[in-house]
Every structure is written in structure tokens, then in C-alpha cells.
């Protein structure tokens, strides 16, 4: 489950890119806590009524639902695309040397 949680954090960060990663992580933590509380309360009443086999089936169905929702999620990498775009623009600016202004953070070496 911890691997699934890490993937959820990454997807949440990608979908809410212009916003801070802290906001998306906080919303994800709140959502998983509420989901866990609801799941525990409902499965506890199910166990008291029908026994443990339906509870195991319910947990498997919850995992299956999460897998299906993850599988149909569109792969959108806003943060990664913005990072790549910034790197390409910097490389193009270095190559073209816009306005003949040297790049201040570019390392230069002189061999004499």
C-alpha cells in the first residue's frame, strides 16, 4: 500500500501543478483519512452482521476500485512538462545569447 500512496502523491502533484505540492499533499492526506474512517466504520458493521469473509471481499473490492480508477486516469504531466520547457528555453537562450548578454550562472573555464 505504501507504493500506491507514493504514486497517489505524485499524480496529485502533477494534476495540481501551478499550486504548491504542500496543498495537494494536505488535501490527499485529508481525503485518505476520511476515506479510511468511512471504510472502517462500514466494514465494522459488516463484520458484526455477516462475519469476516464479506469484510475481506469488501477490502478487495475497495482495492480493485482504486486500481481501476488509477488505470483510467489520464497521464498528464504538467510539472514535468514545465520543467522540461524551462530547461529547453535556457539552452536556447545560451545558444542564441539573446541581446549579447552572457549567461550569469553559466560556468566558464579559461585554459592558459
N, C-alpha and C. Protein backbone atom coordinates (compact mmCIF):
# COMPACT_ATOMS: atom_id res chain seq x y z
N UNK A 1 0.81 -1.20 0.00
CA UNK A 1 0.00 0.00 0.00
C UNK A 1 0.85 1.27 0.00
N UNK A 2 2.04 1.21 0.58
CA UNK A 2 2.85 2.43 0.63
C UNK A 2 3.31 2.85 -0.76
N UNK A 3 3.55 1.92 -1.65
CA UNK A 3 3.89 2.26 -3.03
C UNK A 3 2.73 2.92 -3.75
N UNK A 4 1.54 2.47 -3.46
CA UNK A 4 0.35 3.07 -4.05
C UNK A 4 0.16 4.49 -3.54
N UNK A 5 0.47 4.72 -2.28
CA UNK A 5 0.35 6.06 -1.70
C UNK A 5 1.35 7.01 -2.34
N UNK A 6 2.57 6.56 -2.57
CA UNK A 6 3.58 7.41 -3.22
C UNK A 6 3.15 7.77 -4.64
N UNK A 7 2.56 6.82 -5.34
CA UNK A 7 2.07 7.09 -6.68
C UNK A 7 0.92 8.10 -6.63
N UNK A 8 0.09 8.00 -5.61
CA UNK A 8 -1.01 8.96 -5.45
C UNK A 8 -0.50 10.37 -5.21
N UNK A 9 0.54 10.50 -4.38
CA UNK A 9 1.13 11.82 -4.15
C UNK A 9 1.69 12.40 -5.45
N UNK A 10 2.35 11.58 -6.23
CA UNK A 10 2.94 12.05 -7.48
C UNK A 10 1.85 12.48 -8.46
N UNK A 11 0.81 11.68 -8.60
CA UNK A 11 -0.29 12.04 -9.51
C UNK A 11 -0.99 13.31 -9.05
N UNK A 12 -1.20 13.43 -7.75
CA UNK A 12 -1.87 14.61 -7.21
C UNK A 12 -1.03 15.87 -7.45
N UNK A 13 0.27 15.74 -7.30
CA UNK A 13 1.16 16.88 -7.54
C UNK A 13 1.16 17.27 -9.01
N UNK A 14 1.12 16.30 -9.90
CA UNK A 14 1.10 16.60 -11.33
C UNK A 14 -0.19 17.28 -11.74
N UNK A 15 -1.33 16.84 -11.21
CA UNK A 15 -2.61 17.41 -11.61
C UNK A 15 -2.84 18.81 -11.05
N UNK A 16 -2.23 19.13 -9.95
CA UNK A 16 -2.43 20.45 -9.34
C UNK A 16 -1.17 21.30 -9.48
N UNK A 17 -0.47 21.20 -10.63
CA UNK A 17 0.87 21.76 -10.77
C UNK A 17 1.04 23.22 -10.39
N UNK A 18 0.28 24.15 -10.89
CA UNK A 18 0.63 25.52 -10.52
C UNK A 18 0.54 25.77 -9.01
N UNK A 19 -0.23 24.97 -8.32
CA UNK A 19 -0.33 25.10 -6.86
C UNK A 19 0.84 24.40 -6.20
N UNK A 20 1.05 24.72 -4.95
CA UNK A 20 2.15 24.15 -4.19
C UNK A 20 1.93 22.65 -3.95
N UNK A 21 3.03 21.92 -3.83
CA UNK A 21 2.93 20.49 -3.54
C UNK A 21 2.36 20.26 -2.15
N UNK A 22 2.55 21.20 -1.24
CA UNK A 22 2.03 21.05 0.12
C UNK A 22 0.51 21.05 0.14
N UNK A 23 -0.10 21.85 -0.70
CA UNK A 23 -1.57 21.90 -0.74
C UNK A 23 -2.12 20.57 -1.23
N UNK A 24 -1.55 20.06 -2.31
CA UNK A 24 -2.06 18.79 -2.84
C UNK A 24 -1.80 17.64 -1.87
N UNK A 25 -0.66 17.65 -1.19
CA UNK A 25 -0.38 16.59 -0.21
C UNK A 25 -1.33 16.69 0.98
N UNK A 26 -1.62 17.90 1.42
CA UNK A 26 -2.57 18.07 2.52
C UNK A 26 -3.96 17.60 2.16
N UNK A 27 -4.42 17.96 0.95
CA UNK A 27 -5.73 17.50 0.51
C UNK A 27 -5.78 15.98 0.38
N UNK A 28 -4.71 15.41 -0.10
CA UNK A 28 -4.66 13.95 -0.22
C UNK A 28 -4.68 13.28 1.15
N UNK A 29 -3.98 13.83 2.11
CA UNK A 29 -3.99 13.27 3.47
C UNK A 29 -5.37 13.37 4.10
N UNK A 30 -6.04 14.50 3.94
CA UNK A 30 -7.39 14.66 4.49
C UNK A 30 -8.35 13.67 3.84
N UNK A 31 -8.27 13.55 2.52
CA UNK A 31 -9.16 12.64 1.79
C UNK A 31 -8.95 11.19 2.20
N UNK A 32 -7.69 10.77 2.33
CA UNK A 32 -7.45 9.38 2.71
C UNK A 32 -7.88 9.11 4.15
N UNK A 33 -7.76 10.10 5.02
CA UNK A 33 -8.23 9.92 6.40
C UNK A 33 -9.74 9.75 6.45
N UNK A 34 -10.46 10.58 5.72
CA UNK A 34 -11.92 10.49 5.70
C UNK A 34 -12.35 9.16 5.07
N UNK A 35 -11.68 8.78 3.98
CA UNK A 35 -11.98 7.51 3.33
C UNK A 35 -11.72 6.34 4.28
N UNK A 36 -10.63 6.39 5.02
CA UNK A 36 -10.32 5.33 5.97
C UNK A 36 -11.34 5.23 7.09
N UNK A 37 -11.78 6.37 7.61
CA UNK A 37 -12.79 6.37 8.68
C UNK A 37 -14.09 5.76 8.18
N UNK A 38 -14.52 6.19 7.01
CA UNK A 38 -15.77 5.64 6.45
C UNK A 38 -15.64 4.15 6.18
N UNK A 39 -14.51 3.73 5.65
CA UNK A 39 -14.30 2.32 5.34
C UNK A 39 -14.27 1.47 6.62
N UNK A 40 -13.61 1.95 7.66
CA UNK A 40 -13.54 1.19 8.92
C UNK A 40 -14.91 1.07 9.57
N UNK A 41 -15.66 2.16 9.61
CA UNK A 41 -16.99 2.11 10.24
C UNK A 41 -17.92 1.18 9.46
N UNK A 42 -17.91 1.29 8.13
CA UNK A 42 -18.81 0.43 7.35
C UNK A 42 -18.39 -1.04 7.41
N UNK A 43 -17.08 -1.31 7.38
CA UNK A 43 -16.64 -2.70 7.44
C UNK A 43 -16.82 -3.29 8.84
N UNK A 44 -16.76 -2.47 9.86
CA UNK A 44 -17.01 -2.97 11.22
C UNK A 44 -18.46 -3.41 11.37
N UNK A 45 -19.39 -2.60 10.86
CA UNK A 45 -20.79 -3.01 10.93
C UNK A 45 -21.05 -4.25 10.06
N UNK A 46 -20.34 -4.33 8.94
CA UNK A 46 -20.48 -5.52 8.09
C UNK A 46 -19.95 -6.76 8.79
N UNK A 47 -18.86 -6.62 9.52
CA UNK A 47 -18.28 -7.76 10.23
C UNK A 47 -19.18 -8.21 11.38
N UNK A 48 -19.74 -7.27 12.10
CA UNK A 48 -20.64 -7.61 13.21
C UNK A 48 -21.89 -8.31 12.70
N UNK A 49 -22.33 -7.99 11.49
CA UNK A 49 -23.56 -8.56 10.96
C UNK A 49 -23.32 -9.89 10.24
N UNK A 50 -22.31 -9.95 9.36
CA UNK A 50 -22.15 -11.11 8.48
C UNK A 50 -20.89 -11.93 8.70
N UNK A 51 -19.92 -11.44 9.43
CA UNK A 51 -18.68 -12.19 9.65
C UNK A 51 -17.50 -11.59 8.88
N UNK A 52 -16.41 -12.35 8.86
CA UNK A 52 -15.18 -11.77 8.30
C UNK A 52 -15.02 -11.96 6.79
N UNK A 53 -15.64 -12.94 6.20
CA UNK A 53 -15.47 -13.17 4.76
C UNK A 53 -16.00 -11.99 3.94
N UNK A 54 -17.18 -11.46 4.21
CA UNK A 54 -17.64 -10.28 3.46
C UNK A 54 -16.73 -9.06 3.65
N UNK A 55 -16.09 -8.95 4.81
CA UNK A 55 -15.17 -7.84 5.05
C UNK A 55 -13.95 -7.97 4.14
N UNK A 56 -13.42 -9.17 4.01
CA UNK A 56 -12.28 -9.39 3.11
C UNK A 56 -12.67 -9.10 1.65
N UNK A 57 -13.86 -9.51 1.29
CA UNK A 57 -14.34 -9.23 -0.06
C UNK A 57 -14.50 -7.73 -0.27
N UNK A 58 -15.01 -7.04 0.74
CA UNK A 58 -15.16 -5.58 0.66
C UNK A 58 -13.82 -4.87 0.52
N UNK A 59 -12.81 -5.32 1.25
CA UNK A 59 -11.48 -4.72 1.13
C UNK A 59 -10.88 -4.98 -0.25
N UNK A 60 -11.08 -6.18 -0.76
CA UNK A 60 -10.58 -6.49 -2.11
C UNK A 60 -11.29 -5.63 -3.16
N UNK A 61 -12.59 -5.42 -2.97
CA UNK A 61 -13.32 -4.57 -3.91
C UNK A 61 -12.85 -3.12 -3.84
N UNK A 62 -12.52 -2.65 -2.64
CA UNK A 62 -12.01 -1.28 -2.49
C UNK A 62 -10.66 -1.14 -3.20
N UNK A 63 -9.79 -2.14 -3.07
CA UNK A 63 -8.51 -2.11 -3.78
C UNK A 63 -8.70 -2.19 -5.29
N UNK A 64 -9.65 -3.01 -5.73
CA UNK A 64 -9.94 -3.12 -7.15
C UNK A 64 -10.47 -1.80 -7.71
N UNK A 65 -11.35 -1.15 -6.97
CA UNK A 65 -11.87 0.15 -7.39
C UNK A 65 -10.73 1.17 -7.51
N UNK A 66 -9.82 1.20 -6.55
CA UNK A 66 -8.67 2.10 -6.63
C UNK A 66 -7.79 1.82 -7.82
N UNK A 67 -7.58 0.54 -8.12
CA UNK A 67 -6.77 0.16 -9.28
C UNK A 67 -7.44 0.60 -10.57
N UNK A 68 -8.75 0.39 -10.68
CA UNK A 68 -9.46 0.77 -11.90
C UNK A 68 -9.43 2.29 -12.09
N UNK A 69 -9.67 3.03 -11.01
CA UNK A 69 -9.63 4.49 -11.13
C UNK A 69 -8.24 4.99 -11.50
N UNK A 70 -7.21 4.34 -11.00
CA UNK A 70 -5.84 4.73 -11.36
C UNK A 70 -5.55 4.37 -12.81
N UNK A 71 -6.05 3.24 -13.27
CA UNK A 71 -5.78 2.80 -14.64
C UNK A 71 -6.45 3.70 -15.66
N UNK A 72 -7.63 4.23 -15.35
CA UNK A 72 -8.33 5.07 -16.33
C UNK A 72 -7.95 6.55 -16.20
N UNK A 73 -7.08 6.87 -15.27
CA UNK A 73 -6.65 8.26 -15.10
C UNK A 73 -5.76 8.65 -16.26
N UNK A 74 -6.03 9.83 -16.81
CA UNK A 74 -5.25 10.32 -17.94
C UNK A 74 -3.84 10.71 -17.48
N UNK A 75 -2.84 10.33 -18.24
CA UNK A 75 -1.45 10.63 -17.90
C UNK A 75 -1.13 12.05 -18.32
N UNK A 76 -1.17 12.96 -17.36
CA UNK A 76 -0.93 14.37 -17.63
C UNK A 76 0.20 14.82 -16.72
N UNK A 77 1.32 15.23 -17.30
CA UNK A 77 2.48 15.59 -16.50
C UNK A 77 2.77 17.08 -16.65
N UNK A 78 1.99 17.90 -15.99
CA UNK A 78 2.14 19.35 -16.10
C UNK A 78 3.45 19.83 -15.50
N UNK A 79 3.79 19.33 -14.33
CA UNK A 79 5.00 19.78 -13.64
C UNK A 79 6.24 19.37 -14.42
N UNK A 80 6.28 18.13 -14.89
CA UNK A 80 7.43 17.65 -15.65
C UNK A 80 7.56 18.40 -16.98
N UNK A 81 6.42 18.67 -17.63
CA UNK A 81 6.46 19.41 -18.90
C UNK A 81 6.96 20.83 -18.71
N UNK A 82 6.55 21.48 -17.63
CA UNK A 82 7.01 22.84 -17.35
C UNK A 82 8.51 22.86 -17.05
N UNK A 83 8.98 21.84 -16.35
CA UNK A 83 10.41 21.75 -16.05
C UNK A 83 11.22 21.56 -17.33
N UNK A 84 10.76 20.68 -18.21
CA UNK A 84 11.45 20.46 -19.47
C UNK A 84 11.44 21.72 -20.34
N UNK A 85 10.32 22.41 -20.35
CA UNK A 85 10.21 23.64 -21.14
C UNK A 85 11.19 24.69 -20.64
N UNK A 86 11.32 24.82 -19.33
CA UNK A 86 12.26 25.79 -18.77
C UNK A 86 13.70 25.42 -19.12
N UNK A 87 14.02 24.14 -19.10
CA UNK A 87 15.37 23.71 -19.47
C UNK A 87 15.65 23.98 -20.94
N UNK A 88 14.68 23.71 -21.82
CA UNK A 88 14.87 23.95 -23.25
C UNK A 88 15.02 25.44 -23.54
N UNK A 89 14.23 26.28 -22.84
CA UNK A 89 14.34 27.72 -23.06
C UNK A 89 15.70 28.23 -22.60
N UNK A 90 16.22 27.70 -21.53
CA UNK A 90 17.53 28.13 -21.04
C UNK A 90 18.63 27.72 -22.01
N UNK A 91 18.52 26.50 -22.55
CA UNK A 91 19.51 26.04 -23.52
C UNK A 91 19.45 26.90 -24.78
N UNK A 92 18.24 27.21 -25.24
CA UNK A 92 18.09 28.04 -26.44
C UNK A 92 18.64 29.44 -26.19
N UNK A 93 18.43 29.98 -24.99
CA UNK A 93 18.94 31.31 -24.66
C UNK A 93 20.46 31.32 -24.62
N UNK A 94 21.05 30.24 -24.12
CA UNK A 94 22.52 30.15 -24.08
C UNK A 94 23.07 30.06 -25.51
N UNK A 95 22.42 29.25 -26.34
CA UNK A 95 22.91 29.07 -27.71
C UNK A 95 22.76 30.34 -28.54
N UNK A 96 21.67 31.04 -28.37
CA UNK A 96 21.43 32.24 -29.15
C UNK A 96 22.07 33.46 -28.51
N UNK A 97 22.36 33.41 -27.22
CA UNK A 97 22.93 34.53 -26.46
C UNK A 97 22.12 35.79 -26.74
N UNK A 98 20.87 35.76 -26.30
CA UNK A 98 19.92 36.83 -26.55
C UNK A 98 20.48 38.16 -26.05
N UNK A 99 20.43 39.18 -26.91
CA UNK A 99 20.87 40.54 -26.60
C UNK A 99 22.34 40.61 -26.19
N UNK A 100 23.12 39.66 -26.59
CA UNK A 100 24.54 39.62 -26.26
C UNK A 100 24.83 39.75 -24.77
N UNK A 101 23.92 39.26 -23.95
CA UNK A 101 24.12 39.27 -22.50
C UNK A 101 24.58 37.88 -22.10
N UNK A 102 25.75 37.78 -21.49
CA UNK A 102 26.22 36.44 -21.11
C UNK A 102 25.38 35.85 -20.00
N UNK A 103 25.29 34.58 -20.02
CA UNK A 103 24.54 33.84 -19.00
C UNK A 103 25.32 33.93 -17.69
N UNK A 104 24.69 34.43 -16.63
CA UNK A 104 25.41 34.68 -15.36
C UNK A 104 25.72 33.41 -14.60
N UNK A 105 24.87 32.40 -14.75
CA UNK A 105 25.11 31.19 -13.99
C UNK A 105 25.79 30.10 -14.83
N UNK A 106 26.31 30.48 -15.98
CA UNK A 106 27.00 29.52 -16.83
C UNK A 106 28.46 29.45 -16.39
N UNK A 107 28.94 28.24 -16.25
CA UNK A 107 30.33 28.06 -15.83
C UNK A 107 31.24 28.28 -17.02
N UNK A 108 32.28 29.06 -16.82
CA UNK A 108 33.27 29.27 -17.87
C UNK A 108 34.64 28.93 -17.31
N UNK A 109 35.44 28.33 -18.15
CA UNK A 109 36.78 27.96 -17.76
C UNK A 109 37.75 28.56 -18.80
N UNK A 110 38.84 29.07 -18.31
CA UNK A 110 39.86 29.56 -19.23
C UNK A 110 41.11 28.74 -19.03
N UNK A 111 41.60 28.21 -20.11
CA UNK A 111 42.82 27.41 -20.07
C UNK A 111 43.93 28.25 -20.68
N UNK A 112 44.96 28.50 -19.90
CA UNK A 112 46.06 29.31 -20.43
C UNK A 112 47.34 28.53 -20.52
